[in-house]
Amino acid sequence: MYYVYILRLKNKDLYKGSTSDLKERIIYHRRGKVDSTKNKEPQLIHYECYFKKSDAERRERFLKTTEGMRLLRQQIRDTLNQSSSFNG
């Protein structure tokens, strides 16, 4: 399986990524081993799984576009509005 995932960072930015091992990748983020999310307290808020790596990569590229971000924010609006669970 291949995963596309969304992390919400301490500064409320969203990080989009893809991986074949979601559990291990989240551990890397939380341990500060990923420069883009280091010291930003990443929290997993959304993920999708795909059978084909190419599908996951295509979805990740789309989510990084303006239109993709707009649709993603609509899809996970309630999660984004729950600020109390992200204030640490």
C-alpha atoms as a PDB file:
ATOM      1  CA  MET A   1       0.000   0.000   0.000  1.00  0.00           C
ATOM      2  CA  TYR A   2       1.018   3.600  -0.611  1.00  0.00           C
ATOM      3  CA  TYR A   3      -0.183   6.519   1.439  1.00  0.00           C
ATOM      4  CA  VAL A   4      -0.757  10.214   0.939  1.00  0.00           C
ATOM      5  CA  TYR A   5      -0.825  12.025   4.247  1.00  0.00           C
ATOM      6  CA  ILE A   6      -1.466  15.483   5.627  1.00  0.00           C
ATOM      7  CA  LEU A   7       0.202  16.856   8.726  1.00  0.00           C
ATOM      8  CA  ARG A   8      -0.895  19.974  10.539  1.00  0.00           C
ATOM      9  CA  LEU A   9       2.052  21.892  11.916  1.00  0.00           C
ATOM     10  CA  LYS A  10       2.300  24.056  15.024  1.00  0.00           C
ATOM     11  CA  ASN A  11       2.168  27.187  12.825  1.00  0.00           C
ATOM     12  CA  LYS A  12      -1.094  25.800  11.294  1.00  0.00           C
ATOM     13  CA  ASP A  13       0.545  25.099   7.926  1.00  0.00           C
ATOM     14  CA  LEU A  14      -0.306  21.827   6.219  1.00  0.00           C
ATOM     15  CA  TYR A  15       2.395  19.442   5.043  1.00  0.00           C
ATOM     16  CA  LYS A  16       1.559  16.993   2.258  1.00  0.00           C
ATOM     17  CA  GLY A  17       3.578  13.845   1.621  1.00  0.00           C
ATOM     18  CA  SER A  18       3.463  10.263   0.393  1.00  0.00           C
ATOM     19  CA  THR A  19       5.103   7.066   1.581  1.00  0.00           C
ATOM     20  CA  SER A  20       4.864   3.293   1.515  1.00  0.00           C
ATOM     21  CA  ASP A  21       5.257   3.066   5.326  1.00  0.00           C
ATOM     22  CA  LEU A  22       3.000   5.619   6.984  1.00  0.00           C
ATOM     23  CA  LYS A  23       3.736   4.592  10.558  1.00  0.00           C
ATOM     24  CA  GLU A  24       7.509   4.890  10.108  1.00  0.00           C
ATOM     25  CA  ARG A  25       7.241   8.161   8.192  1.00  0.00           C
ATOM     26  CA  ILE A  26       5.172   9.778  10.964  1.00  0.00           C
ATOM     27  CA  ILE A  27       7.802   8.676  13.497  1.00  0.00           C
ATOM     28  CA  TYR A  28      10.487  10.367  11.349  1.00  0.00           C
ATOM     29  CA  HIS A  29       8.479  13.590  11.292  1.00  0.00           C
ATOM     30  CA  ARG A  30       7.877  13.584  15.043  1.00  0.00           C
ATOM     31  CA  ARG A  31      11.552  12.907  15.807  1.00  0.00           C
ATOM     32  CA  GLY A  32      12.571  15.950  13.775  1.00  0.00           C
ATOM     33  CA  LYS A  33      14.282  13.979  11.017  1.00  0.00           C
ATOM     34  CA  VAL A  34      12.404  15.816   8.239  1.00  0.00           C
ATOM     35  CA  ASP A  35      13.684  19.371   7.709  1.00  0.00           C
ATOM     36  CA  SER A  36      10.309  20.705   6.519  1.00  0.00           C
ATOM     37  CA  THR A  37       8.532  19.726   9.740  1.00  0.00           C
ATOM     38  CA  LYS A  38      11.388  19.869  12.253  1.00  0.00           C
ATOM     39  CA  ASN A  39      10.419  21.690  15.490  1.00  0.00           C
ATOM     40  CA  LYS A  40       6.860  22.233  14.199  1.00  0.00           C
ATOM     41  CA  GLU A  41       5.056  19.523  16.217  1.00  0.00           C
ATOM     42  CA  PRO A  42       3.486  17.693  13.251  1.00  0.00           C
ATOM     43  CA  GLN A  43       0.117  16.018  13.826  1.00  0.00           C
ATOM     44  CA  LEU A  44      -1.375  13.538  11.370  1.00  0.00           C
ATOM     45  CA  ILE A  45      -4.844  14.797  10.441  1.00  0.00           C
ATOM     46  CA  HIS A  46      -5.622  12.920   7.221  1.00  0.00           C
ATOM     47  CA  TYR A  47      -4.386  10.066   5.070  1.00  0.00           C
ATOM     48  CA  GLU A  48      -5.479   8.142   2.002  1.00  0.00           C
ATOM     49  CA  CYS A  49      -4.200   4.772   0.790  1.00  0.00           C
ATOM     50  CA  TYR A  50      -3.612   3.532  -2.734  1.00  0.00           C
ATOM     51  CA  PHE A  51      -2.573   0.241  -4.283  1.00  0.00           C
ATOM     52  CA  LYS A  52      -0.282   1.857  -6.841  1.00  0.00           C
ATOM     53  CA  LYS A  53       2.618   4.157  -6.028  1.00  0.00           C
ATOM     54  CA  SER A  54       1.885   6.234  -9.123  1.00  0.00           C
ATOM     55  CA  ASP A  55      -1.657   6.944  -7.886  1.00  0.00           C
ATOM     56  CA  ALA A  56      -0.375   8.138  -4.504  1.00  0.00           C
ATOM     57  CA  GLU A  57       2.255  10.341  -6.141  1.00  0.00           C
ATOM     58  CA  ARG A  58      -0.324  11.813  -8.521  1.00  0.00           C
ATOM     59  CA  ARG A  59      -2.669  12.594  -5.629  1.00  0.00           C
ATOM     60  CA  GLU A  60       0.149  14.200  -3.629  1.00  0.00           C
ATOM     61  CA  ARG A  61       1.081  16.436  -6.589  1.00  0.00           C
ATOM     62  CA  PHE A  62      -2.564  17.454  -6.974  1.00  0.00           C
ATOM     63  CA  LEU A  63      -2.921  18.311  -3.274  1.00  0.00           C
ATOM     64  CA  LYS A  64       0.061  20.636  -3.593  1.00  0.00           C
ATOM     65  CA  THR A  65      -1.735  22.723  -6.229  1.00  0.00           C
ATOM     66  CA  THR A  66      -3.985  25.664  -5.375  1.00  0.00           C
ATOM     67  CA  GLU A  67      -7.095  23.766  -6.472  1.00  0.00           C
ATOM     68  CA  GLY A  68      -6.019  20.654  -4.591  1.00  0.00           C
ATOM     69  CA  MET A  69      -5.469  22.625  -1.387  1.00  0.00           C
ATOM     70  CA  ARG A  70      -8.851  24.315  -1.750  1.00  0.00           C
ATOM     71  CA  LEU A  71     -10.629  20.975  -2.112  1.00  0.00           C
ATOM     72  CA  LEU A  72      -8.602  19.395   0.680  1.00  0.00           C
ATOM     73  CA  ARG A  73      -9.485  22.226   3.067  1.00  0.00           C
ATOM     74  CA  GLN A  74     -13.172  21.727   2.222  1.00  0.00           C
ATOM     75  CA  GLN A  75     -12.881  17.998   2.809  1.00  0.00           C
ATOM     76  CA  ILE A  76     -11.163  18.279   6.205  1.00  0.00           C
ATOM     77  CA  ARG A  77     -12.748  21.567   7.340  1.00  0.00           C
ATOM     78  CA  ASP A  78     -14.043  20.167  10.648  1.00  0.00           C
ATOM     79  CA  THR A  79     -10.638  18.739  11.525  1.00  0.00           C
ATOM     80  CA  LEU A  80      -8.950  22.053  10.753  1.00  0.00           C
ATOM     81  CA  ASN A  81     -11.447  23.931  12.927  1.00  0.00           C
ATOM     82  CA  GLN A  82     -10.687  21.797  15.993  1.00  0.00           C
ATOM     83  CA  SER A  83      -7.862  24.062  17.092  1.00  0.00           C
ATOM     84  CA  SER A  84      -7.938  22.929  20.735  1.00  0.00           C
ATOM     85  CA  SER A  85      -6.439  19.543  19.873  1.00  0.00           C
ATOM     86  CA  PHE A  86      -3.499  21.220  18.106  1.00  0.00           C
ATOM     87  CA  ASN A  87      -2.569  23.801  20.712  1.00  0.00           C
ATOM     88  CA  GLY A  88      -0.493  21.327  22.735  1.00  0.00           C
END
